C-alpha atoms as a PDB file:
ATOM      1  CA  MET A   1     -73.125 234.862 -44.819  1.00  0.00           C
ATOM      2  CA  LYS A   2     -72.411 231.051 -43.907  1.00  0.00           C
ATOM      3  CA  ARG A   3     -71.096 230.134 -40.441  1.00  0.00           C
ATOM      4  CA  SER A   4     -68.008 228.947 -42.108  1.00  0.00           C
ATOM      5  CA  ASP A   5     -67.323 232.404 -43.312  1.00  0.00           C
ATOM      6  CA  ALA A   6     -68.005 234.083 -39.706  1.00  0.00           C
ATOM      7  CA  PHE A   7     -65.889 231.367 -38.030  1.00  0.00           C
ATOM      8  CA  PRO A   8     -63.189 230.314 -40.485  1.00  0.00           C
ATOM      9  CA  SER A   9     -61.339 227.141 -39.642  1.00  0.00           C
ATOM     10  CA  GLU A  10     -58.089 225.691 -41.029  1.00  0.00           C
ATOM     11  CA  TYR A  11     -59.816 222.313 -41.046  1.00  0.00           C
ATOM     12  CA  PHE A  12     -62.263 220.941 -43.837  1.00  0.00           C
ATOM     13  CA  SER A  13     -65.692 221.165 -42.821  1.00  0.00           C
ATOM     14  CA  LYS A  14     -68.990 220.185 -44.477  1.00  0.00           C
ATOM     15  CA  ASP A  15     -69.209 223.871 -45.709  1.00  0.00           C
ATOM     16  CA  ASP A  16     -66.108 223.424 -47.829  1.00  0.00           C
ATOM     17  CA  VAL A  17     -67.421 220.468 -49.825  1.00  0.00           C
ATOM     18  CA  MET A  18     -71.252 221.341 -49.837  1.00  0.00           C
ATOM     19  CA  SER A  19     -71.083 222.839 -53.391  1.00  0.00           C
ATOM     20  CA  GLY A  20     -69.330 219.698 -54.802  1.00  0.00           C
ATOM     21  CA  PRO A  21     -66.629 217.011 -54.084  1.00  0.00           C
ATOM     22  CA  ARG A  22     -62.780 217.970 -53.927  1.00  0.00           C
ATOM     23  CA  VAL A  23     -60.180 215.573 -55.128  1.00  0.00           C
ATOM     24  CA  LEU A  24     -57.076 215.983 -53.493  1.00  0.00           C
ATOM     25  CA  THR A  25     -53.610 214.334 -53.014  1.00  0.00           C
ATOM     26  CA  ILE A  26     -52.452 213.104 -49.777  1.00  0.00           C
ATOM     27  CA  LYS A  27     -49.491 214.664 -48.445  1.00  0.00           C
ATOM     28  CA  ASP A  28     -49.111 213.291 -44.837  1.00  0.00           C
ATOM     29  CA  VAL A  29     -51.326 212.049 -41.933  1.00  0.00           C
ATOM     30  CA  CYS A  30     -49.895 212.717 -38.475  1.00  0.00           C
ATOM     31  CA  PHE A  31     -51.239 213.557 -34.874  1.00  0.00           C
ATOM     32  CA  GLU A  32     -52.232 217.049 -33.921  1.00  0.00           C
ATOM     33  CA  ALA A  33     -53.721 218.441 -30.590  1.00  0.00           C
ATOM     34  CA  ILE A  34     -57.199 219.668 -31.546  1.00  0.00           C
ATOM     35  CA  LYS A  35     -59.160 221.592 -29.152  1.00  0.00           C
ATOM     36  CA  GLY A  36     -62.438 220.457 -28.530  1.00  0.00           C
ATOM     37  CA  ASP A  37     -65.471 220.879 -25.900  1.00  0.00           C
ATOM     38  CA  HIS A  38     -63.575 218.880 -23.406  1.00  0.00           C
ATOM     39  CA  GLY A  39     -59.737 220.302 -23.935  1.00  0.00           C
ATOM     40  CA  GLU A  40     -57.356 219.247 -26.250  1.00  0.00           C
ATOM     41  CA  ASP A  41     -57.219 215.507 -27.593  1.00  0.00           C
ATOM     42  CA  ASN A  42     -54.603 214.194 -30.259  1.00  0.00           C
ATOM     43  CA  LYS A  43     -56.284 213.412 -33.478  1.00  0.00           C
ATOM     44  CA  PRO A  44     -55.166 212.022 -36.852  1.00  0.00           C
ATOM     45  CA  VAL A  45     -54.915 214.978 -39.345  1.00  0.00           C
ATOM     46  CA  MET A  46     -54.539 214.419 -43.081  1.00  0.00           C
ATOM     47  CA  THR A  47     -52.597 217.095 -45.040  1.00  0.00           C
ATOM     48  CA  PHE A  48     -52.641 217.689 -48.845  1.00  0.00           C
ATOM     49  CA  ARG A  49     -50.347 218.644 -51.654  1.00  0.00           C
ATOM     50  CA  GLU A  50     -52.804 221.172 -53.105  1.00  0.00           C
ATOM     51  CA  ASP A  51     -51.520 224.636 -51.624  1.00  0.00           C
ATOM     52  CA  ASP A  52     -55.085 225.812 -51.242  1.00  0.00           C
ATOM     53  CA  ALA A  53     -56.457 222.809 -49.303  1.00  0.00           C
ATOM     54  CA  LYS A  54     -57.266 222.866 -45.753  1.00  0.00           C
ATOM     55  CA  ARG A  55     -56.270 219.978 -43.434  1.00  0.00           C
ATOM     56  CA  LEU A  56     -58.782 217.140 -42.658  1.00  0.00           C
ATOM     57  CA  ILE A  57     -59.251 215.788 -39.151  1.00  0.00           C
ATOM     58  CA  VAL A  58     -59.520 212.038 -39.990  1.00  0.00           C
ATOM     59  CA  ASN A  59     -62.326 210.107 -38.060  1.00  0.00           C
ATOM     60  CA  ASN A  60     -62.796 206.471 -37.951  1.00  0.00           C
ATOM     61  CA  THR A  61     -65.072 206.124 -40.965  1.00  0.00           C
ATOM     62  CA  ASN A  62     -62.877 208.187 -43.082  1.00  0.00           C
ATOM     63  CA  TRP A  63     -59.829 206.197 -42.035  1.00  0.00           C
ATOM     64  CA  VAL A  64     -61.395 202.909 -43.014  1.00  0.00           C
ATOM     65  CA  ALA A  65     -62.253 204.213 -46.297  1.00  0.00           C
ATOM     66  CA  CYS A  66     -58.580 205.028 -47.021  1.00  0.00           C
ATOM     67  CA  GLU A  67     -57.268 202.014 -45.335  1.00  0.00           C
ATOM     68  CA  ASP A  68     -59.461 199.901 -47.581  1.00  0.00           C
ATOM     69  CA  ARG A  69     -57.869 200.889 -50.758  1.00  0.00           C
ATOM     70  CA  TYR A  70     -54.515 202.007 -49.734  1.00  0.00           C
ATOM     71  CA  GLY A  71     -53.583 199.628 -46.880  1.00  0.00           C
ATOM     72  CA  GLN A  72     -53.310 200.017 -42.977  1.00  0.00           C
ATOM     73  CA  ASP A  73     -50.200 202.139 -42.718  1.00  0.00           C
ATOM     74  CA  SER A  74     -51.059 205.806 -43.420  1.00  0.00           C
ATOM     75  CA  ASP A  75     -47.504 206.251 -44.546  1.00  0.00           C
ATOM     76  CA  ASP A  76     -48.572 204.359 -47.650  1.00  0.00           C
ATOM     77  CA  TRP A  77     -51.086 206.754 -48.351  1.00  0.00           C
ATOM     78  CA  ARG A  78     -48.578 209.725 -49.529  1.00  0.00           C
ATOM     79  CA  GLY A  79     -49.161 210.478 -52.919  1.00  0.00           C
ATOM     80  CA  LYS A  80     -52.552 208.806 -53.309  1.00  0.00           C
ATOM     81  CA  SER A  81     -55.662 210.619 -54.311  1.00  0.00           C
ATOM     82  CA  VAL A  82     -58.853 210.991 -52.118  1.00  0.00           C
ATOM     83  CA  GLU A  83     -62.160 212.852 -52.842  1.00  0.00           C
ATOM     84  CA  LEU A  84     -63.803 214.721 -50.162  1.00  0.00           C
ATOM     85  CA  TYR A  85     -67.656 214.976 -50.371  1.00  0.00           C
ATOM     86  CA  TYR A  86     -70.695 216.274 -48.386  1.00  0.00           C
ATOM     87  CA  GLU A  87     -72.530 213.393 -46.641  1.00  0.00           C
ATOM     88  CA  PRO A  88     -75.997 214.659 -45.248  1.00  0.00           C
ATOM     89  CA  ASN A  89     -76.425 211.430 -43.300  1.00  0.00           C
ATOM     90  CA  VAL A  90     -73.609 212.025 -40.946  1.00  0.00           C
ATOM     91  CA  TRP A  91     -74.480 211.905 -37.048  1.00  0.00           C
ATOM     92  CA  PHE A  92     -72.932 213.651 -34.389  1.00  0.00           C
ATOM     93  CA  GLY A  93     -74.288 212.116 -31.250  1.00  0.00           C
ATOM     94  CA  LYS A  94     -78.063 212.052 -31.277  1.00  0.00           C
ATOM     95  CA  ASP A  95     -77.950 214.969 -34.172  1.00  0.00           C
ATOM     96  CA  LYS A  96     -77.840 214.504 -37.796  1.00  0.00           C
ATOM     97  CA  THR A  97     -75.424 216.972 -38.708  1.00  0.00           C
ATOM     98  CA  GLY A  98     -74.095 216.084 -42.037  1.00  0.00           C
ATOM     99  CA  GLY A  99     -70.279 216.023 -42.752  1.00  0.00           C
ATOM    100  CA  VAL A 100     -67.288 215.459 -44.720  1.00  0.00           C
ATOM    101  CA  ARG A 101     -66.548 211.988 -46.005  1.00  0.00           C
ATOM    102  CA  VAL A 102     -63.666 210.371 -47.894  1.00  0.00           C
ATOM    103  CA  ARG A 103     -64.012 208.082 -50.644  1.00  0.00           C
ATOM    104  CA  ILE A 104     -61.347 207.043 -53.398  1.00  0.00           C
ATOM    105  CA  PRO A 105     -61.935 208.646 -56.714  1.00  0.00           C
ATOM    106  CA  SER A 106     -63.559 206.453 -59.170  1.00  0.00           C
ATOM    107  CA  ASP A 107     -60.772 206.876 -61.916  1.00  0.00           C
ATOM    108  CA  VAL A 108     -58.277 205.581 -59.256  1.00  0.00           C
ATOM    109  CA  ILE A 109     -60.301 202.536 -58.667  1.00  0.00           C
ATOM    110  CA  GLU A 110     -60.761 201.967 -62.404  1.00  0.00           C
ATOM    111  CA  GLU A 111     -56.915 202.491 -62.928  1.00  0.00           C
ATOM    112  CA  GLN A 112     -56.079 199.941 -60.440  1.00  0.00           C
ATOM    113  CA  ALA A 113     -58.590 197.602 -61.457  1.00  0.00           C
ATOM    114  CA  ALA A 114     -56.804 197.690 -64.730  1.00  0.00           C
ATOM    115  CA  LYS A 115     -53.300 197.110 -63.749  1.00  0.00           C
ATOM    116  CA  PRO A 116     -51.842 193.619 -63.637  1.00  0.00           C
ATOM    117  CA  ALA A 117     -51.115 192.036 -60.251  1.00  0.00           C
ATOM    118  CA  PRO A 118     -47.658 193.304 -58.874  1.00  0.00           C
ATOM    119  CA  ALA A 119     -44.905 190.575 -59.257  1.00  0.00           C
ATOM    120  CA  PHE A 120     -43.393 190.386 -56.198  1.00  0.00           C
ATOM    121  CA  SER A 121     -40.547 188.008 -55.979  1.00  0.00           C
ATOM    122  CA  GLY A 122     -38.804 186.560 -52.976  1.00  0.00           C
ATOM    123  CA  ASN A 123     -40.219 187.421 -49.571  1.00  0.00           C
ATOM    124  CA  MET A 124     -43.049 189.996 -49.433  1.00  0.00           C
ATOM    125  CA  SER A 125     -43.817 192.437 -46.681  1.00  0.00           C
ATOM    126  CA  TRP A 126     -47.477 192.415 -45.342  1.00  0.00           C
ATOM    127  CA  THR A 127     -48.117 195.562 -47.325  1.00  0.00           C
ATOM    128  CA  GLN A 128     -46.900 193.959 -50.666  1.00  0.00           C
ATOM    129  CA  ALA A 129     -48.678 190.579 -49.818  1.00  0.00           C
ATOM    130  CA  LEU A 130     -51.993 192.619 -49.106  1.00  0.00           C
ATOM    131  CA  ALA A 131     -51.313 194.671 -52.461  1.00  0.00           C
ATOM    132  CA  LEU A 132     -50.890 191.404 -54.391  1.00  0.00           C
ATOM    133  CA  ALA A 133     -54.019 189.746 -52.841  1.00  0.00           C
ATOM    134  CA  THR A 134     -56.193 192.887 -53.338  1.00  0.00           C
ATOM    135  CA  VAL A 135     -55.594 193.308 -57.033  1.00  0.00           C
ATOM    136  CA  ASN A 136     -56.515 189.750 -57.245  1.00  0.00           C
ATOM    137  CA  GLY A 137     -59.925 190.370 -55.480  1.00  0.00           C
ATOM    138  CA  ILE A 138     -59.027 189.090 -52.069  1.00  0.00           C
ATOM    139  CA  ASN A 139     -59.388 191.666 -49.320  1.00  0.00           C
ATOM    140  CA  GLU A 140     -57.462 191.856 -46.115  1.00  0.00           C
ATOM    141  CA  ASP A 141     -59.978 189.840 -44.090  1.00  0.00           C
ATOM    142  CA  LYS A 142     -60.140 187.044 -46.396  1.00  0.00           C
ATOM    143  CA  LEU A 143     -56.406 186.948 -46.794  1.00  0.00           C
ATOM    144  CA  LYS A 144     -56.000 186.630 -42.914  1.00  0.00           C
ATOM    145  CA  GLU A 145     -58.683 183.784 -42.876  1.00  0.00           C
ATOM    146  CA  LEU A 146     -57.033 181.841 -45.367  1.00  0.00           C
ATOM    147  CA  LEU A 147     -53.722 182.182 -43.786  1.00  0.00           C
ATOM    148  CA  LYS A 148     -55.036 181.184 -40.387  1.00  0.00           C
ATOM    149  CA  ALA A 149     -56.682 178.134 -42.270  1.00  0.00           C
ATOM    150  CA  ARG A 150     -53.234 176.959 -43.026  1.00  0.00           C
ATOM    151  CA  GLY A 151     -52.014 177.461 -39.532  1.00  0.00           C
ATOM    152  CA  ALA A 152     -50.459 180.923 -39.500  1.00  0.00           C
ATOM    153  CA  THR A 153     -50.767 183.038 -36.251  1.00  0.00           C
ATOM    154  CA  GLY A 154     -49.281 185.916 -37.729  1.00  0.00           C
ATOM    155  CA  TYR A 155     -47.312 187.031 -40.839  1.00  0.00           C
ATOM    156  CA  THR A 156     -43.578 186.167 -41.452  1.00  0.00           C
ATOM    157  CA  PRO A 157     -42.438 187.053 -44.586  1.00  0.00           C
ATOM    158  CA  ALA A 158     -39.869 184.326 -45.017  1.00  0.00           C
ATOM    159  CA  ILE A 159     -42.546 181.556 -44.232  1.00  0.00           C
ATOM    160  CA  HIS A 160     -45.680 183.054 -45.671  1.00  0.00           C
ATOM    161  CA  SER A 161     -44.872 184.959 -48.735  1.00  0.00           C
ATOM    162  CA  GLN A 162     -45.115 181.714 -50.570  1.00  0.00           C
ATOM    163  CA  TRP A 163     -48.345 180.754 -48.895  1.00  0.00           C
ATOM    164  CA  VAL A 164     -49.782 184.083 -50.058  1.00  0.00           C
ATOM    165  CA  ARG A 165     -48.917 183.126 -53.581  1.00  0.00           C
ATOM    166  CA  GLU A 166     -50.235 179.797 -53.331  1.00  0.00           C
ATOM    167  CA  ILE A 167     -53.528 181.187 -51.965  1.00  0.00           C
ATOM    168  CA  ILE A 168     -53.801 183.721 -54.932  1.00  0.00           C
ATOM    169  CA  ASP A 169     -53.164 181.459 -57.424  1.00  0.00           C
ATOM    170  CA  PHE A 170     -55.789 178.881 -56.139  1.00  0.00           C
ATOM    171  CA  GLU A 171     -58.483 181.618 -55.283  1.00  0.00           C
ATOM    172  CA  SER A 172     -58.298 183.111 -58.387  1.00  0.00           C
ATOM    173  CA  LYS A 173     -58.588 180.117 -60.653  1.00  0.00           C
ATOM    174  CA  ASP A 174     -62.171 179.522 -62.075  1.00  0.00           C
ATOM    175  CA  GLU A 175     -63.175 175.996 -61.047  1.00  0.00           C
ATOM    176  CA  SER A 176     -66.593 176.094 -62.498  1.00  0.00           C
ATOM    177  CA  ILE A 177     -67.022 173.662 -65.415  1.00  0.00           C
ATOM    178  CA  PRO A 178     -69.793 174.405 -67.748  1.00  0.00           C
ATOM    179  CA  PHE A 179     -72.367 171.399 -68.580  1.00  0.00           C
END
């Protein structure tokens, strides 16, 4: 008998993914009070559309994995796929315990790479601007850096939407000339 059989949990643990990865569809991310060694703590918890799936307490590493592909706002993650897998090199304090990690399924990455860039006309929200930049090979940090270089101190759709288009147009051009 495994520990997870003796002490079942409503949250995903490493025991739930040790036998192989699991691809799930995000239903929502919200805060829940989680009981720990030092009382209750509010933590982000991901729920899934699949009826047989447990919930996942989302740590910073797993949050960043979703954020890198699906954007900063977890509301935008709804309906997106994630793959939960066992990672043996997870540390808890000074102990190497292993744990659940999140990655974006490879078929989702390939599908998104094959899609043409979305054509946003008019003013773009930050989420739209970032999506357009991302599919054109410009990550969020690079986009912010390029906007700051033009004098932006924040993002205002009415002002900066055109800048984003110009940045993408300039950055995506191949300026190399063969000799």
